[in-house]
Amino acid sequence: MWILAPNKKFIKQYKSLSFDLQKRVDSALVELVNSENPIKLGDYKPSLKVYAYNLDKSNRIIYSVDFSNNIIELRRVGSHKQVYGKD
């Protein structure tokens, strides 16, 4: 079992999402917490040294994993432009 550690940016972006998208994010977070290896659920982004979990065609969760402390650090959530800062 993993511990979720959202940063301030993630919390702010999460609150601005639609109700339906928040529900999808919640389901994805449950899947991440219960997985044996959360990095297998995301695509590695070497330029940012993070993983991206795709919620749908245009929305994603950006996170990193601390294996020594069993923590998933939630960095950003939302559209491509919101999480990467570009289109």
N, C-alpha and C. Protein backbone atom coordinates (compact mmCIF):
# COMPACT_ATOMS: atom_id res chain seq x y z
N MET A 1 0.85 -1.19 0.00
CA MET A 1 0.00 0.00 0.00
C MET A 1 0.89 1.25 0.00
N TRP A 2 0.51 2.20 -0.80
CA TRP A 2 1.28 3.43 -0.96
C TRP A 2 0.61 4.61 -0.26
N ILE A 3 1.40 5.60 0.09
CA ILE A 3 0.90 6.82 0.71
C ILE A 3 0.92 7.93 -0.33
N LEU A 4 -0.19 8.65 -0.46
CA LEU A 4 -0.26 9.77 -1.40
C LEU A 4 0.22 11.05 -0.73
N ALA A 5 1.06 11.80 -1.44
CA ALA A 5 1.57 13.07 -0.91
C ALA A 5 1.39 14.15 -1.98
N PRO A 6 0.21 14.79 -2.02
CA PRO A 6 -0.01 15.83 -3.03
C PRO A 6 0.69 17.13 -2.63
N ASN A 7 1.26 17.83 -3.62
CA ASN A 7 1.84 19.13 -3.32
C ASN A 7 0.77 20.21 -3.50
N LYS A 8 1.10 21.47 -3.20
CA LYS A 8 0.11 22.56 -3.26
C LYS A 8 -0.43 22.76 -4.66
N LYS A 9 0.43 22.64 -5.67
CA LYS A 9 0.01 22.82 -7.07
C LYS A 9 -1.03 21.77 -7.45
N PHE A 10 -0.79 20.52 -7.06
CA PHE A 10 -1.73 19.43 -7.35
C PHE A 10 -3.09 19.73 -6.72
N ILE A 11 -3.08 20.12 -5.45
CA ILE A 11 -4.34 20.39 -4.74
C ILE A 11 -5.11 21.52 -5.42
N LYS A 12 -4.41 22.58 -5.79
CA LYS A 12 -5.06 23.73 -6.45
C LYS A 12 -5.66 23.31 -7.79
N GLN A 13 -4.89 22.54 -8.59
CA GLN A 13 -5.39 22.10 -9.89
C GLN A 13 -6.56 21.13 -9.72
N TYR A 14 -6.48 20.24 -8.74
CA TYR A 14 -7.56 19.27 -8.49
C TYR A 14 -8.87 19.99 -8.19
N LYS A 15 -8.80 21.02 -7.34
CA LYS A 15 -10.01 21.75 -6.96
C LYS A 15 -10.66 22.46 -8.14
N SER A 16 -9.87 22.80 -9.16
CA SER A 16 -10.42 23.52 -10.31
C SER A 16 -11.00 22.58 -11.39
N LEU A 17 -10.86 21.27 -11.20
CA LEU A 17 -11.38 20.31 -12.18
C LEU A 17 -12.90 20.17 -12.04
N SER A 18 -13.53 19.70 -13.11
CA SER A 18 -14.97 19.42 -13.06
C SER A 18 -15.22 18.24 -12.12
N PHE A 19 -16.45 18.12 -11.66
CA PHE A 19 -16.81 17.05 -10.73
C PHE A 19 -16.52 15.68 -11.35
N ASP A 20 -16.89 15.50 -12.62
CA ASP A 20 -16.66 14.21 -13.30
C ASP A 20 -15.18 13.88 -13.39
N LEU A 21 -14.37 14.87 -13.71
CA LEU A 21 -12.93 14.64 -13.81
C LEU A 21 -12.32 14.36 -12.43
N GLN A 22 -12.83 15.02 -11.40
CA GLN A 22 -12.36 14.73 -10.04
C GLN A 22 -12.64 13.27 -9.67
N LYS A 23 -13.81 12.76 -10.09
CA LYS A 23 -14.15 11.36 -9.81
C LYS A 23 -13.19 10.42 -10.52
N ARG A 24 -12.81 10.76 -11.77
CA ARG A 24 -11.84 9.94 -12.51
C ARG A 24 -10.47 9.98 -11.85
N VAL A 25 -10.09 11.16 -11.37
CA VAL A 25 -8.81 11.29 -10.66
C VAL A 25 -8.84 10.44 -9.39
N ASP A 26 -9.93 10.49 -8.64
CA ASP A 26 -10.07 9.70 -7.42
C ASP A 26 -9.92 8.20 -7.71
N SER A 27 -10.55 7.73 -8.77
CA SER A 27 -10.44 6.32 -9.15
C SER A 27 -9.01 5.96 -9.51
N ALA A 28 -8.35 6.85 -10.24
CA ALA A 28 -6.96 6.61 -10.63
C ALA A 28 -6.05 6.57 -9.41
N LEU A 29 -6.30 7.43 -8.44
CA LEU A 29 -5.48 7.46 -7.23
C LEU A 29 -5.66 6.18 -6.42
N VAL A 30 -6.88 5.66 -6.38
CA VAL A 30 -7.12 4.39 -5.69
C VAL A 30 -6.33 3.28 -6.38
N GLU A 31 -6.33 3.29 -7.71
CA GLU A 31 -5.57 2.29 -8.47
C GLU A 31 -4.08 2.41 -8.18
N LEU A 32 -3.55 3.64 -8.14
CA LEU A 32 -2.13 3.84 -7.84
C LEU A 32 -1.77 3.36 -6.44
N VAL A 33 -2.59 3.71 -5.46
CA VAL A 33 -2.33 3.34 -4.07
C VAL A 33 -2.32 1.83 -3.89
N ASN A 34 -3.20 1.13 -4.58
CA ASN A 34 -3.33 -0.32 -4.42
C ASN A 34 -2.41 -1.13 -5.33
N SER A 35 -1.69 -0.49 -6.23
CA SER A 35 -0.83 -1.23 -7.14
C SER A 35 0.46 -1.67 -6.44
N GLU A 36 1.04 -2.75 -6.93
CA GLU A 36 2.31 -3.21 -6.38
C GLU A 36 3.44 -2.28 -6.80
N ASN A 37 3.37 -1.81 -8.04
CA ASN A 37 4.41 -0.93 -8.56
C ASN A 37 3.75 0.19 -9.37
N PRO A 38 3.56 1.36 -8.76
CA PRO A 38 2.82 2.44 -9.43
C PRO A 38 3.51 2.99 -10.69
N ILE A 39 4.79 2.75 -10.86
CA ILE A 39 5.45 3.28 -12.06
C ILE A 39 5.01 2.52 -13.31
N LYS A 40 4.50 1.32 -13.14
CA LYS A 40 4.02 0.54 -14.28
C LYS A 40 2.71 1.10 -14.84
N LEU A 41 2.01 1.92 -14.07
CA LEU A 41 0.74 2.47 -14.51
C LEU A 41 0.90 3.78 -15.28
N GLY A 42 2.08 4.36 -15.25
CA GLY A 42 2.31 5.63 -15.93
C GLY A 42 3.40 5.53 -16.98
N ASP A 43 3.48 6.57 -17.79
CA ASP A 43 4.54 6.68 -18.80
C ASP A 43 5.63 7.58 -18.23
N TYR A 44 6.89 7.11 -18.29
CA TYR A 44 8.00 7.90 -17.75
C TYR A 44 8.31 9.07 -18.67
N LYS A 45 8.48 10.24 -18.08
CA LYS A 45 8.83 11.46 -18.81
C LYS A 45 10.25 11.86 -18.39
N PRO A 46 11.26 11.43 -19.17
CA PRO A 46 12.66 11.64 -18.75
C PRO A 46 13.06 13.09 -18.59
N SER A 47 12.48 14.00 -19.36
CA SER A 47 12.87 15.41 -19.25
C SER A 47 12.46 16.00 -17.89
N LEU A 48 11.37 15.49 -17.31
CA LEU A 48 10.89 15.98 -16.02
C LEU A 48 11.19 15.02 -14.87
N LYS A 49 11.62 13.80 -15.22
CA LYS A 49 11.90 12.75 -14.25
C LYS A 49 10.66 12.43 -13.40
N VAL A 50 9.52 12.31 -14.07
CA VAL A 50 8.25 11.99 -13.43
C VAL A 50 7.50 10.98 -14.29
N TYR A 51 6.36 10.51 -13.77
CA TYR A 51 5.48 9.60 -14.49
C TYR A 51 4.17 10.30 -14.77
N ALA A 52 3.55 9.95 -15.89
CA ALA A 52 2.27 10.53 -16.28
C ALA A 52 1.24 9.42 -16.41
N TYR A 53 0.19 9.50 -15.60
CA TYR A 53 -0.93 8.56 -15.66
C TYR A 53 -2.01 9.23 -16.50
N ASN A 54 -2.34 8.62 -17.64
CA ASN A 54 -3.34 9.19 -18.54
C ASN A 54 -4.75 8.86 -18.06
N LEU A 55 -5.52 9.90 -17.77
CA LEU A 55 -6.92 9.74 -17.35
C LEU A 55 -7.82 9.56 -18.56
N ASP A 56 -7.55 10.30 -19.60
CA ASP A 56 -8.26 10.21 -20.87
C ASP A 56 -7.36 10.82 -21.93
N LYS A 57 -7.93 11.13 -23.07
CA LYS A 57 -7.13 11.62 -24.19
C LYS A 57 -6.36 12.90 -23.86
N SER A 58 -6.92 13.77 -23.03
CA SER A 58 -6.27 15.06 -22.81
C SER A 58 -5.90 15.37 -21.35
N ASN A 59 -6.26 14.51 -20.40
CA ASN A 59 -5.97 14.80 -18.99
C ASN A 59 -5.08 13.74 -18.39
N ARG A 60 -4.23 14.18 -17.46
CA ARG A 60 -3.28 13.26 -16.85
C ARG A 60 -2.90 13.68 -15.44
N ILE A 61 -2.32 12.73 -14.70
CA ILE A 61 -1.78 12.98 -13.37
C ILE A 61 -0.26 12.83 -13.48
N ILE A 62 0.46 13.82 -12.98
CA ILE A 62 1.92 13.76 -12.97
C ILE A 62 2.36 13.41 -11.55
N TYR A 63 3.22 12.39 -11.43
CA TYR A 63 3.64 11.94 -10.10
C TYR A 63 5.05 11.37 -10.14
N SER A 64 5.65 11.28 -8.97
CA SER A 64 6.93 10.59 -8.82
C SER A 64 6.77 9.60 -7.67
N VAL A 65 7.70 8.65 -7.58
CA VAL A 65 7.57 7.58 -6.59
C VAL A 65 8.83 7.51 -5.72
N ASP A 66 8.62 7.47 -4.42
CA ASP A 66 9.71 7.30 -3.45
C ASP A 66 9.57 5.88 -2.89
N PHE A 67 10.37 4.96 -3.43
CA PHE A 67 10.25 3.56 -3.04
C PHE A 67 10.70 3.30 -1.61
N SER A 68 11.67 4.06 -1.12
CA SER A 68 12.18 3.81 0.23
C SER A 68 11.14 4.12 1.31
N ASN A 69 10.24 5.07 1.04
CA ASN A 69 9.22 5.44 2.02
C ASN A 69 7.80 5.08 1.58
N ASN A 70 7.65 4.38 0.45
CA ASN A 70 6.35 3.99 -0.10
C ASN A 70 5.42 5.20 -0.29
N ILE A 71 5.95 6.24 -0.90
CA ILE A 71 5.19 7.47 -1.12
C ILE A 71 5.05 7.76 -2.60
N ILE A 72 3.84 8.11 -3.01
CA ILE A 72 3.60 8.61 -4.37
C ILE A 72 3.42 10.12 -4.23
N GLU A 73 4.35 10.87 -4.79
CA GLU A 73 4.30 12.32 -4.73
C GLU A 73 3.50 12.84 -5.92
N LEU A 74 2.34 13.41 -5.64
CA LEU A 74 1.46 13.93 -6.69
C LEU A 74 1.87 15.35 -7.01
N ARG A 75 2.26 15.59 -8.27
CA ARG A 75 2.80 16.88 -8.66
C ARG A 75 1.79 17.80 -9.33
N ARG A 76 1.09 17.28 -10.36
CA ARG A 76 0.15 18.08 -11.13
C ARG A 76 -0.98 17.21 -11.65
N VAL A 77 -2.09 17.85 -12.00
CA VAL A 77 -3.22 17.13 -12.59
C VAL A 77 -3.97 18.08 -13.50
N GLY A 78 -4.44 17.56 -14.62
CA GLY A 78 -5.23 18.37 -15.56
C GLY A 78 -4.87 18.11 -16.99
N SER A 79 -5.16 19.10 -17.83
CA SER A 79 -4.90 18.96 -19.27
C SER A 79 -3.40 19.02 -19.54
N HIS A 80 -3.04 18.68 -20.77
CA HIS A 80 -1.63 18.70 -21.19
C HIS A 80 -0.99 20.05 -20.91
N LYS A 81 -1.71 21.12 -21.26
CA LYS A 81 -1.16 22.46 -21.05
C LYS A 81 -1.01 22.79 -19.57
N GLN A 82 -1.95 22.33 -18.74
CA GLN A 82 -1.87 22.60 -17.31
C GLN A 82 -0.72 21.87 -16.63
N VAL A 83 -0.44 20.65 -17.06
CA VAL A 83 0.59 19.88 -16.36
C VAL A 83 1.99 20.10 -16.93
N TYR A 84 2.09 20.39 -18.22
CA TYR A 84 3.40 20.58 -18.83
C TYR A 84 3.70 22.06 -19.14
N GLY A 85 2.67 22.91 -19.11
CA GLY A 85 2.87 24.31 -19.37
C GLY A 85 2.97 24.65 -20.85
N LYS A 86 2.61 23.70 -21.71
CA LYS A 86 2.64 23.93 -23.17
C LYS A 86 1.65 23.00 -23.84
N ASP A 87 1.34 23.30 -25.11
CA ASP A 87 0.39 22.46 -25.87
C ASP A 87 1.00 21.21 -26.38
